[in-house]
Amino acid sequence: MDNKYHNKITIRDGHIFDSKKEAQRFTELSILENAGIIEGLELQKTFELIPKNGSERAVKYIADFYYYDKEKKTYICEDAKGMKTQAYIIKRKLFKYRYPDILFREV
């Protein structure tokens, strides 16, 4: 199945991913977690960028992957990006501003 950006929806280990690239990165991160290099791997973690204001909804960013890197001693948020939309670029900037202690990585 294709989506509007021509990615192939991929199922891996019971999880549905928006692309083959994202599914492959999940496999890599799972290996690192099993080896004890990272821990607490979360998929599709939601971060609030701008809180709800009156009748306006909050602005949120959903990370493809979030985990703790034991060697770097830091939390990492990853996005398996193909197409960088304007909305994504703005949310990435807001994320880095709002969560400066979390390393943001595009893979």
PDB file of N, CA and C in Angstrom:
ATOM      1  N   MET A   1       0.843  -1.181   0.000  1.00  0.00           N
ATOM      2  CA  MET A   1       0.000   0.000   0.000  1.00  0.00           C
ATOM      3  C   MET A   1       0.889   1.246   0.000  1.00  0.00           C
ATOM      4  N   ASP A   2       0.558   2.213  -0.828  1.00  0.00           N
ATOM      5  CA  ASP A   2       1.304   3.467  -0.899  1.00  0.00           C
ATOM      6  C   ASP A   2       0.506   4.566  -0.209  1.00  0.00           C
ATOM      7  N   ASN A   3       1.235   5.567   0.288  1.00  0.00           N
ATOM      8  CA  ASN A   3       0.548   6.751   0.789  1.00  0.00           C
ATOM      9  C   ASN A   3       0.868   7.918  -0.139  1.00  0.00           C
ATOM     10  N   LYS A   4       0.508   9.120   0.245  1.00  0.00           N
ATOM     11  CA  LYS A   4       0.656  10.259  -0.662  1.00  0.00           C
ATOM     12  C   LYS A   4       2.101  10.598  -0.989  1.00  0.00           C
ATOM     13  N   TYR A   5       3.065  10.116  -0.179  1.00  0.00           N
ATOM     14  CA  TYR A   5       4.477  10.373  -0.463  1.00  0.00           C
ATOM     15  C   TYR A   5       5.149   9.164  -1.099  1.00  0.00           C
ATOM     16  N   HIS A   6       4.357   8.202  -1.541  1.00  0.00           N
ATOM     17  CA  HIS A   6       4.824   6.992  -2.230  1.00  0.00           C
ATOM     18  C   HIS A   6       5.676   6.071  -1.365  1.00  0.00           C
ATOM     19  N   ASN A   7       5.486   6.146  -0.047  1.00  0.00           N
ATOM     20  CA  ASN A   7       6.147   5.199   0.847  1.00  0.00           C
ATOM     21  C   ASN A   7       5.368   3.900   0.844  1.00  0.00           C
ATOM     22  N   LYS A   8       6.036   2.810   1.137  1.00  0.00           N
ATOM     23  CA  LYS A   8       5.378   1.507   1.248  1.00  0.00           C
ATOM     24  C   LYS A   8       5.091   1.224   2.717  1.00  0.00           C
ATOM     25  N   ILE A   9       3.794   1.137   3.054  1.00  0.00           N
ATOM     26  CA  ILE A   9       3.411   0.755   4.407  1.00  0.00           C
ATOM     27  C   ILE A   9       4.004  -0.629   4.674  1.00  0.00           C
ATOM     28  N   THR A  10       4.673  -0.778   5.822  1.00  0.00           N
ATOM     29  CA  THR A  10       5.393  -2.009   6.133  1.00  0.00           C
ATOM     30  C   THR A  10       5.018  -2.484   7.531  1.00  0.00           C
ATOM     31  N   ILE A  11       4.791  -3.779   7.668  1.00  0.00           N
ATOM     32  CA  ILE A  11       4.498  -4.371   8.978  1.00  0.00           C
ATOM     33  C   ILE A  11       5.727  -5.150   9.418  1.00  0.00           C
ATOM     34  N   ARG A  12       6.177  -4.864  10.647  1.00  0.00           N
ATOM     35  CA  ARG A  12       7.336  -5.559  11.185  1.00  0.00           C
ATOM     36  C   ARG A  12       7.091  -5.811  12.662  1.00  0.00           C
ATOM     37  N   ASP A  13       7.217  -7.067  13.075  1.00  0.00           N
ATOM     38  CA  ASP A  13       7.049  -7.465  14.481  1.00  0.00           C
ATOM     39  C   ASP A  13       5.729  -6.968  15.064  1.00  0.00           C
ATOM     40  N   GLY A  14       4.672  -7.000  14.259  1.00  0.00           N
ATOM     41  CA  GLY A  14       3.350  -6.595  14.721  1.00  0.00           C
ATOM     42  C   GLY A  14       3.099  -5.099  14.725  1.00  0.00           C
ATOM     43  N   HIS A  15       4.068  -4.317  14.286  1.00  0.00           N
ATOM     44  CA  HIS A  15       3.924  -2.864  14.224  1.00  0.00           C
ATOM     45  C   HIS A  15       3.754  -2.435  12.775  1.00  0.00           C
ATOM     46  N   ILE A  16       2.928  -1.429  12.556  1.00  0.00           N
ATOM     47  CA  ILE A  16       2.719  -0.888  11.210  1.00  0.00           C
ATOM     48  C   ILE A  16       3.545   0.389  11.088  1.00  0.00           C
ATOM     49  N   PHE A  17       4.380   0.437  10.053  1.00  0.00           N
ATOM     50  CA  PHE A  17       5.242   1.594   9.815  1.00  0.00           C
ATOM     51  C   PHE A  17       4.848   2.271   8.514  1.00  0.00           C
ATOM     52  N   ASP A  18       5.048   3.581   8.458  1.00  0.00           N
ATOM     53  CA  ASP A  18       4.676   4.366   7.280  1.00  0.00           C
ATOM     54  C   ASP A  18       5.593   4.126   6.088  1.00  0.00           C
ATOM     55  N   SER A  19       6.772   3.530   6.335  1.00  0.00           N
ATOM     56  CA  SER A  19       7.718   3.312   5.244  1.00  0.00           C
ATOM     57  C   SER A  19       8.642   2.136   5.554  1.00  0.00           C
ATOM     58  N   LYS A  20       9.276   1.636   4.505  1.00  0.00           N
ATOM     59  CA  LYS A  20      10.287   0.586   4.680  1.00  0.00           C
ATOM     60  C   LYS A  20      11.460   1.125   5.488  1.00  0.00           C
ATOM     61  N   LYS A  21      11.807   2.378   5.255  1.00  0.00           N
ATOM     62  CA  LYS A  21      12.913   3.024   5.967  1.00  0.00           C
ATOM     63  C   LYS A  21      12.647   3.043   7.472  1.00  0.00           C
ATOM     64  N   GLU A  22      11.426   3.399   7.864  1.00  0.00           N
ATOM     65  CA  GLU A  22      11.062   3.440   9.280  1.00  0.00           C
ATOM     66  C   GLU A  22      11.082   2.032   9.879  1.00  0.00           C
ATOM     67  N   ALA A  23      10.586   1.052   9.145  1.00  0.00           N
ATOM     68  CA  ALA A  23      10.593  -0.340   9.625  1.00  0.00           C
ATOM     69  C   ALA A  23      12.021  -0.853   9.799  1.00  0.00           C
ATOM     70  N   GLN A  24      12.900  -0.507   8.860  1.00  0.00           N
ATOM     71  CA  GLN A  24      14.297  -0.911   8.960  1.00  0.00           C
ATOM     72  C   GLN A  24      14.967  -0.283  10.177  1.00  0.00           C
ATOM     73  N   ARG A  25      14.665   0.980  10.431  1.00  0.00           N
ATOM     74  CA  ARG A  25      15.260   1.647  11.592  1.00  0.00           C
ATOM     75  C   ARG A  25      14.754   1.018  12.884  1.00  0.00           C
ATOM     76  N   PHE A  26      13.498   0.601  12.915  1.00  0.00           N
ATOM     77  CA  PHE A  26      12.963  -0.098  14.082  1.00  0.00           C
ATOM     78  C   PHE A  26      13.752  -1.380  14.339  1.00  0.00           C
ATOM     79  N   THR A  27      14.050  -2.133  13.282  1.00  0.00           N
ATOM     80  CA  THR A  27      14.830  -3.366  13.428  1.00  0.00           C
ATOM     81  C   THR A  27      16.211  -3.056  14.011  1.00  0.00           C
ATOM     82  N   GLU A  28      16.855  -2.011  13.490  1.00  0.00           N
ATOM     83  CA  GLU A  28      18.182  -1.624  13.987  1.00  0.00           C
ATOM     84  C   GLU A  28      18.131  -1.228  15.460  1.00  0.00           C
ATOM     85  N   LEU A  29      17.134  -0.416  15.830  1.00  0.00           N
ATOM     86  CA  LEU A  29      17.011   0.015  17.217  1.00  0.00           C
ATOM     87  C   LEU A  29      16.664  -1.148  18.146  1.00  0.00           C
ATOM     88  N   SER A  30      15.875  -2.093  17.670  1.00  0.00           N
ATOM     89  CA  SER A  30      15.542  -3.274  18.471  1.00  0.00           C
ATOM     90  C   SER A  30      16.796  -4.088  18.775  1.00  0.00           C
ATOM     91  N   ILE A  31      17.676  -4.212  17.791  1.00  0.00           N
ATOM     92  CA  ILE A  31      18.947  -4.926  17.991  1.00  0.00           C
ATOM     93  C   ILE A  31      19.794  -4.197  19.035  1.00  0.00           C
ATOM     94  N   LEU A  32      19.863  -2.868  18.929  1.00  0.00           N
ATOM     95  CA  LEU A  32      20.629  -2.084  19.906  1.00  0.00           C
ATOM     96  C   LEU A  32      20.039  -2.206  21.311  1.00  0.00           C
ATOM     97  N   GLU A  33      18.707  -2.258  21.392  1.00  0.00           N
ATOM     98  CA  GLU A  33      18.065  -2.408  22.707  1.00  0.00           C
ATOM     99  C   GLU A  33      18.356  -3.792  23.285  1.00  0.00           C
ATOM    100  N   ASN A  34      18.270  -4.822  22.465  1.00  0.00           N
ATOM    101  CA  ASN A  34      18.563  -6.183  22.930  1.00  0.00           C
ATOM    102  C   ASN A  34      20.013  -6.335  23.352  1.00  0.00           C
ATOM    103  N   ALA A  35      20.911  -5.545  22.741  1.00  0.00           N
ATOM    104  CA  ALA A  35      22.336  -5.587  23.087  1.00  0.00           C
ATOM    105  C   ALA A  35      22.649  -4.736  24.321  1.00  0.00           C
ATOM    106  N   GLY A  36      21.655  -3.990  24.814  1.00  0.00           N
ATOM    107  CA  GLY A  36      21.858  -3.174  26.003  1.00  0.00           C
ATOM    108  C   GLY A  36      22.507  -1.828  25.738  1.00  0.00           C
ATOM    109  N   ILE A  37      22.581  -1.425  24.482  1.00  0.00           N
ATOM    110  CA  ILE A  37      23.202  -0.142  24.129  1.00  0.00           C
ATOM    111  C   ILE A  37      22.218   1.007  24.324  1.00  0.00           C
ATOM    112  N   ILE A  38      20.942   0.747  24.022  1.00  0.00           N
ATOM    113  CA  ILE A  38      19.883   1.721  24.285  1.00  0.00           C
ATOM    114  C   ILE A  38      18.834   1.059  25.159  1.00  0.00           C
ATOM    115  N   GLU A  39      17.957   1.865  25.732  1.00  0.00           N
ATOM    116  CA  GLU A  39      16.866   1.308  26.540  1.00  0.00           C
ATOM    117  C   GLU A  39      15.640   2.192  26.436  1.00  0.00           C
ATOM    118  N   GLY A  40      14.489   1.590  26.767  1.00  0.00           N
ATOM    119  CA  GLY A  40      13.232   2.334  26.801  1.00  0.00           C
ATOM    120  C   GLY A  40      12.720   2.752  25.439  1.00  0.00           C
ATOM    121  N   LEU A  41      12.962   1.941  24.426  1.00  0.00           N
ATOM    122  CA  LEU A  41      12.529   2.281  23.068  1.00  0.00           C
ATOM    123  C   LEU A  41      11.012   2.440  23.006  1.00  0.00           C
ATOM    124  N   GLU A  42      10.570   3.613  22.549  1.00  0.00           N
ATOM    125  CA  GLU A  42       9.148   3.897  22.387  1.00  0.00           C
ATOM    126  C   GLU A  42       8.892   4.275  20.937  1.00  0.00           C
ATOM    127  N   LEU A  43       7.762   3.838  20.413  1.00  0.00           N
ATOM    128  CA  LEU A  43       7.346   4.174  19.060  1.00  0.00           C
ATOM    129  C   LEU A  43       6.198   5.159  19.132  1.00  0.00           C
ATOM    130  N   GLN A  44       6.203   6.138  18.233  1.00  0.00           N
ATOM    131  CA  GLN A  44       5.117   7.103  18.105  1.00  0.00           C
ATOM    132  C   GLN A  44       4.840   7.859  19.410  1.00  0.00           C
ATOM    133  N   LYS A  45       5.904   8.313  20.061  1.00  0.00           N
ATOM    134  CA  LYS A  45       5.763   9.093  21.298  1.00  0.00           C
ATOM    135  C   LYS A  45       5.332  10.520  20.954  1.00  0.00           C
ATOM    136  N   THR A  46       4.337  11.013  21.678  1.00  0.00           N
ATOM    137  CA  THR A  46       3.792  12.346  21.445  1.00  0.00           C
ATOM    138  C   THR A  46       4.425  13.369  22.391  1.00  0.00           C
ATOM    139  N   PHE A  47       4.847  14.498  21.817  1.00  0.00           N
ATOM    140  CA  PHE A  47       5.396  15.613  22.573  1.00  0.00           C
ATOM    141  C   PHE A  47       4.537  16.846  22.316  1.00  0.00           C
ATOM    142  N   GLU A  48       4.181  17.547  23.381  1.00  0.00           N
ATOM    143  CA  GLU A  48       3.424  18.789  23.228  1.00  0.00           C
ATOM    144  C   GLU A  48       4.400  19.925  22.924  1.00  0.00           C
ATOM    145  N   LEU A  49       4.157  20.619  21.836  1.00  0.00           N
ATOM    146  CA  LEU A  49       5.010  21.733  21.438  1.00  0.00           C
ATOM    147  C   LEU A  49       4.461  23.067  21.905  1.00  0.00           C
ATOM    148  N   ILE A  50       3.148  23.240  21.739  1.00  0.00           N
ATOM    149  CA  ILE A  50       2.458  24.443  22.199  1.00  0.00           C
ATOM    150  C   ILE A  50       1.188  23.982  22.895  1.00  0.00           C
ATOM    151  N   PRO A  51       0.967  24.393  24.145  1.00  0.00           N
ATOM    152  CA  PRO A  51      -0.218  23.920  24.869  1.00  0.00           C
ATOM    153  C   PRO A  51      -1.526  24.467  24.290  1.00  0.00           C
ATOM    154  N   LYS A  52      -2.591  23.799  24.644  1.00  0.00           N
ATOM    155  CA  LYS A  52      -3.936  24.232  24.265  1.00  0.00           C
ATOM    156  C   LYS A  52      -4.150  25.642  24.771  1.00  0.00           C
ATOM    157  N   ASN A  53      -4.814  26.456  23.962  1.00  0.00           N
ATOM    158  CA  ASN A  53      -5.072  27.849  24.337  1.00  0.00           C
ATOM    159  C   ASN A  53      -6.525  28.164  24.025  1.00  0.00           C
ATOM    160  N   GLY A  54      -7.338  28.170  25.057  1.00  0.00           N
ATOM    161  CA  GLY A  54      -8.769  28.436  24.858  1.00  0.00           C
ATOM    162  C   GLY A  54      -9.384  27.364  23.978  1.00  0.00           C
ATOM    163  N   SER A  55      -9.936  27.755  22.855  1.00  0.00           N
ATOM    164  CA  SER A  55     -10.580  26.792  21.965  1.00  0.00           C
ATOM    165  C   SER A  55      -9.598  26.194  20.946  1.00  0.00           C
ATOM    166  N   GLU A  56      -8.370  26.700  20.936  1.00  0.00           N
ATOM    167  CA  GLU A  56      -7.379  26.175  19.992  1.00  0.00           C
ATOM    168  C   GLU A  56      -6.723  24.917  20.550  1.00  0.00           C
ATOM    169  N   ARG A  57      -6.593  23.925  19.685  1.00  0.00           N
ATOM    170  CA  ARG A  57      -5.960  22.673  20.102  1.00  0.00           C
ATOM    171  C   ARG A  57      -4.461  22.874  20.322  1.00  0.00           C
ATOM    172  N   ALA A  58      -3.877  21.993  21.121  1.00  0.00           N
ATOM    173  CA  ALA A  58      -2.438  22.001  21.333  1.00  0.00           C
ATOM    174  C   ALA A  58      -1.741  21.587  20.029  1.00  0.00           C
ATOM    175  N   VAL A  59      -0.511  22.041  19.855  1.00  0.00           N
ATOM    176  CA  VAL A  59       0.309  21.621  18.728  1.00  0.00           C
ATOM    177  C   VAL A  59       1.222  20.522  19.243  1.00  0.00           C
ATOM    178  N   LYS A  60       1.210  19.380  18.555  1.00  0.00           N
ATOM    179  CA  LYS A  60       1.971  18.223  19.017  1.00  0.00           C
ATOM    180  C   LYS A  60       2.873  17.694  17.912  1.00  0.00           C
ATOM    181  N   TYR A  61       3.940  17.048  18.341  1.00  0.00           N
ATOM    182  CA  TYR A  61       4.849  16.358  17.429  1.00  0.00           C
ATOM    183  C   TYR A  61       4.872  14.896  17.836  1.00  0.00           C
ATOM    184  N   ILE A  62       4.745  13.996  16.871  1.00  0.00           N
ATOM    185  CA  ILE A  62       4.793  12.561  17.154  1.00  0.00           C
ATOM    186  C   ILE A  62       6.091  12.025  16.587  1.00  0.00           C
ATOM    187  N   ALA A  63       6.972  11.590  17.487  1.00  0.00           N
ATOM    188  CA  ALA A  63       8.278  11.063  17.098  1.00  0.00           C
ATOM    189  C   ALA A  63       8.132   9.623  16.617  1.00  0.00           C
ATOM    190  N   ASP A  64       8.881   9.257  15.592  1.00  0.00           N
ATOM    191  CA  ASP A  64       8.888   7.864  15.158  1.00  0.00           C
ATOM    192  C   ASP A  64       9.468   6.977  16.259  1.00  0.00           C
ATOM    193  N   PHE A  65      10.596   7.416  16.848  1.00  0.00           N
ATOM    194  CA  PHE A  65      11.268   6.633  17.892  1.00  0.00           C
ATOM    195  C   PHE A  65      11.794   7.556  18.982  1.00  0.00           C
ATOM    196  N   TYR A  66      11.771   7.052  20.198  1.00  0.00           N
ATOM    197  CA  TYR A  66      12.304   7.774  21.351  1.00  0.00           C
ATOM    198  C   TYR A  66      12.952   6.739  22.254  1.00  0.00           C
ATOM    199  N   TYR A  67      14.173   7.020  22.702  1.00  0.00           N
ATOM    200  CA  TYR A  67      14.892   6.051  23.541  1.00  0.00           C
ATOM    201  C   TYR A  67      16.021   6.739  24.295  1.00  0.00           C
ATOM    202  N   TYR A  68      16.606   6.002  25.232  1.00  0.00           N
ATOM    203  CA  TYR A  68      17.752   6.490  25.993  1.00  0.00           C
ATOM    204  C   TYR A  68      18.992   5.779  25.493  1.00  0.00           C
ATOM    205  N   ASP A  69      19.981   6.557  25.069  1.00  0.00           N
ATOM    206  CA  ASP A  69      21.257   6.017  24.603  1.00  0.00           C
ATOM    207  C   ASP A  69      22.189   5.948  25.809  1.00  0.00           C
ATOM    208  N   LYS A  70      22.509   4.728  26.248  1.00  0.00           N
ATOM    209  CA  LYS A  70      23.308   4.538  27.449  1.00  0.00           C
ATOM    210  C   LYS A  70      24.758   4.976  27.266  1.00  0.00           C
ATOM    211  N   GLU A  71      25.273   4.864  26.053  1.00  0.00           N
ATOM    212  CA  GLU A  71      26.659   5.276  25.810  1.00  0.00           C
ATOM    213  C   GLU A  71      26.781   6.804  25.779  1.00  0.00           C
ATOM    214  N   LYS A  72      25.829   7.475  25.130  1.00  0.00           N
ATOM    215  CA  LYS A  72      25.856   8.943  25.046  1.00  0.00           C
ATOM    216  C   LYS A  72      25.239   9.600  26.276  1.00  0.00           C
ATOM    217  N   LYS A  73      24.567   8.784  27.092  1.00  0.00           N
ATOM    218  CA  LYS A  73      23.902   9.261  28.305  1.00  0.00           C
ATOM    219  C   LYS A  73      22.912  10.395  27.999  1.00  0.00           C
ATOM    220  N   THR A  74      22.082  10.157  27.000  1.00  0.00           N
ATOM    221  CA  THR A  74      21.087  11.157  26.617  1.00  0.00           C
ATOM    222  C   THR A  74      19.873  10.499  25.989  1.00  0.00           C
ATOM    223  N   TYR A  75      18.745  11.200  26.059  1.00  0.00           N
ATOM    224  CA  TYR A  75      17.541  10.754  25.368  1.00  0.00           C
ATOM    225  C   TYR A  75      17.614  11.214  23.922  1.00  0.00           C
ATOM    226  N   ILE A  76      17.111  10.378  23.029  1.00  0.00           N
ATOM    227  CA  ILE A  76      17.142  10.683  21.603  1.00  0.00           C
ATOM    228  C   ILE A  76      15.744  10.514  21.022  1.00  0.00           C
ATOM    229  N   CYS A  77      15.376  11.480  20.212  1.00  0.00           N
ATOM    230  CA  CYS A  77      14.122  11.459  19.460  1.00  0.00           C
ATOM    231  C   CYS A  77      14.516  11.317  17.997  1.00  0.00           C
ATOM    232  N   GLU A  78      13.975  10.321  17.312  1.00  0.00           N
ATOM    233  CA  GLU A  78      14.324  10.107  15.911  1.00  0.00           C
ATOM    234  C   GLU A  78      13.106  10.180  15.015  1.00  0.00           C
ATOM    235  N   ASP A  79      13.352  10.696  13.829  1.00  0.00           N
ATOM    236  CA  ASP A  79      12.330  10.731  12.797  1.00  0.00           C
ATOM    237  C   ASP A  79      12.934  10.143  11.533  1.00  0.00           C
ATOM    238  N   ALA A  80      12.310   9.098  11.004  1.00  0.00           N
ATOM    239  CA  ALA A  80      12.748   8.486   9.747  1.00  0.00           C
ATOM    240  C   ALA A  80      12.104   9.283   8.623  1.00  0.00           C
ATOM    241  N   LYS A  81      12.809  10.268   8.148  1.00  0.00           N
ATOM    242  CA  LYS A  81      12.228  11.233   7.214  1.00  0.00           C
ATOM    243  C   LYS A  81      12.581  10.938   5.781  1.00  0.00           C
ATOM    244  N   GLY A  82      11.601  11.095   4.941  1.00  0.00           N
ATOM    245  CA  GLY A  82      11.789  11.079   3.508  1.00  0.00           C
ATOM    246  C   GLY A  82      11.461  12.482   3.017  1.00  0.00           C
ATOM    247  N   MET A  83      10.190  12.820   3.016  1.00  0.00           N
ATOM    248  CA  MET A  83       9.701  14.123   2.574  1.00  0.00           C
ATOM    249  C   MET A  83       9.644  15.076   3.768  1.00  0.00           C
ATOM    250  N   LYS A  84      10.323  16.211   3.651  1.00  0.00           N
ATOM    251  CA  LYS A  84      10.315  17.212   4.720  1.00  0.00           C
ATOM    252  C   LYS A  84       9.313  18.306   4.363  1.00  0.00           C
ATOM    253  N   THR A  85       8.122  18.183   4.913  1.00  0.00           N
ATOM    254  CA  THR A  85       7.080  19.175   4.656  1.00  0.00           C
ATOM    255  C   THR A  85       7.348  20.436   5.476  1.00  0.00           C
ATOM    256  N   GLN A  86       6.698  21.529   5.107  1.00  0.00           N
ATOM    257  CA  GLN A  86       6.826  22.772   5.862  1.00  0.00           C
ATOM    258  C   GLN A  86       6.364  22.577   7.310  1.00  0.00           C
ATOM    259  N   ALA A  87       5.264  21.843   7.485  1.00  0.00           N
ATOM    260  CA  ALA A  87       4.760  21.601   8.844  1.00  0.00           C
ATOM    261  C   ALA A  87       5.792  20.835   9.665  1.00  0.00           C
ATOM    262  N   TYR A  88       6.442  19.843   9.056  1.00  0.00           N
ATOM    263  CA  TYR A  88       7.469  19.072   9.764  1.00  0.00           C
ATOM    264  C   TYR A  88       8.636  19.970  10.165  1.00  0.00           C
ATOM    265  N   ILE A  89       9.091  20.828   9.261  1.00  0.00           N
ATOM    266  CA  ILE A  89      10.236  21.694   9.537  1.00  0.00           C
ATOM    267  C   ILE A  89       9.933  22.627  10.708  1.00  0.00           C
ATOM    268  N   ILE A  90       8.734  23.187  10.726  1.00  0.00           N
ATOM    269  CA  ILE A  90       8.335  24.060  11.836  1.00  0.00           C
ATOM    270  C   ILE A  90       8.264  23.272  13.140  1.00  0.00           C
ATOM    271  N   LYS A  91       7.665  22.083  13.103  1.00  0.00           N
ATOM    272  CA  LYS A  91       7.560  21.271  14.322  1.00  0.00           C
ATOM    273  C   LYS A  91       8.935  20.830  14.817  1.00  0.00           C
ATOM    274  N   ARG A  92       9.852  20.540  13.905  1.00  0.00           N
ATOM    275  CA  ARG A  92      11.211  20.161  14.300  1.00  0.00           C
ATOM    276  C   ARG A  92      11.878  21.315  15.037  1.00  0.00           C
ATOM    277  N   LYS A  93      11.711  22.541  14.522  1.00  0.00           N
ATOM    278  CA  LYS A  93      12.294  23.712  15.177  1.00  0.00           C
ATOM    279  C   LYS A  93      11.673  23.943  16.553  1.00  0.00           C
ATOM    280  N   LEU A  94      10.352  23.821  16.638  1.00  0.00           N
ATOM    281  CA  LEU A  94       9.668  23.971  17.927  1.00  0.00           C
ATOM    282  C   LEU A  94      10.115  22.899  18.915  1.00  0.00           C
ATOM    283  N   PHE A  95      10.291  21.657  18.433  1.00  0.00           N
ATOM    284  CA  PHE A  95      10.733  20.572  19.306  1.00  0.00           C
ATOM    285  C   PHE A  95      12.104  20.890  19.895  1.00  0.00           C
ATOM    286  N   LYS A  96      13.030  21.299  19.043  1.00  0.00           N
ATOM    287  CA  LYS A  96      14.389  21.598  19.515  1.00  0.00           C
ATOM    288  C   LYS A  96      14.390  22.755  20.521  1.00  0.00           C
ATOM    289  N   TYR A  97      13.516  23.714  20.331  1.00  0.00           N
ATOM    290  CA  TYR A  97      13.402  24.834  21.254  1.00  0.00           C
ATOM    291  C   TYR A  97      12.777  24.396  22.581  1.00  0.00           C
ATOM    292  N   ARG A  98      11.714  23.607  22.487  1.00  0.00           N
ATOM    293  CA  ARG A  98      10.949  23.201  23.679  1.00  0.00           C
ATOM    294  C   ARG A  98      11.646  22.117  24.494  1.00  0.00           C
ATOM    295  N   TYR A  99      12.408  21.243  23.828  1.00  0.00           N
ATOM    296  CA  TYR A  99      13.066  20.113  24.485  1.00  0.00           C
ATOM    297  C   TYR A  99      14.571  20.113  24.179  1.00  0.00           C
ATOM    298  N   PRO A 100      15.304  21.121  24.662  1.00  0.00           N
ATOM    299  CA  PRO A 100      16.727  21.229  24.304  1.00  0.00           C
ATOM    300  C   PRO A 100      17.595  20.088  24.857  1.00  0.00           C
ATOM    301  N   ASP A 101      17.128  19.381  25.861  1.00  0.00           N
ATOM    302  CA  ASP A 101      17.935  18.300  26.451  1.00  0.00           C
ATOM    303  C   ASP A 101      17.761  16.966  25.725  1.00  0.00           C
ATOM    304  N   ILE A 102      16.863  16.919  24.763  1.00  0.00           N
ATOM    305  CA  ILE A 102      16.652  15.691  23.980  1.00  0.00           C
ATOM    306  C   ILE A 102      17.314  15.884  22.629  1.00  0.00           C
ATOM    307  N   LEU A 103      18.181  14.951  22.260  1.00  0.00           N
ATOM    308  CA  LEU A 103      18.859  15.020  20.974  1.00  0.00           C
ATOM    309  C   LEU A 103      17.872  14.634  19.872  1.00  0.00           C
ATOM    310  N   PHE A 104      17.708  15.493  18.890  1.00  0.00           N
ATOM    311  CA  PHE A 104      16.796  15.226  17.776  1.00  0.00           C
ATOM    312  C   PHE A 104      17.616  14.749  16.594  1.00  0.00           C
ATOM    313  N   ARG A 105      17.225  13.609  16.037  1.00  0.00           N
ATOM    314  CA  ARG A 105      17.984  13.023  14.942  1.00  0.00           C
ATOM    315  C   ARG A 105      17.053  12.619  13.817  1.00  0.00           C
ATOM    316  N   GLU A 106      17.435  12.996  12.602  1.00  0.00           N
ATOM    317  CA  GLU A 106      16.729  12.525  11.401  1.00  0.00           C
ATOM    318  C   GLU A 106      17.551  11.387  10.813  1.00  0.00           C
ATOM    319  N   VAL A 107      16.881  10.315  10.487  1.00  0.00           N
ATOM    320  CA  VAL A 107      17.598   9.166   9.889  1.00  0.00           C
ATOM    321  C   VAL A 107      17.011   8.843   8.529  1.00  0.00           C
TER     322      VAL A 107
END
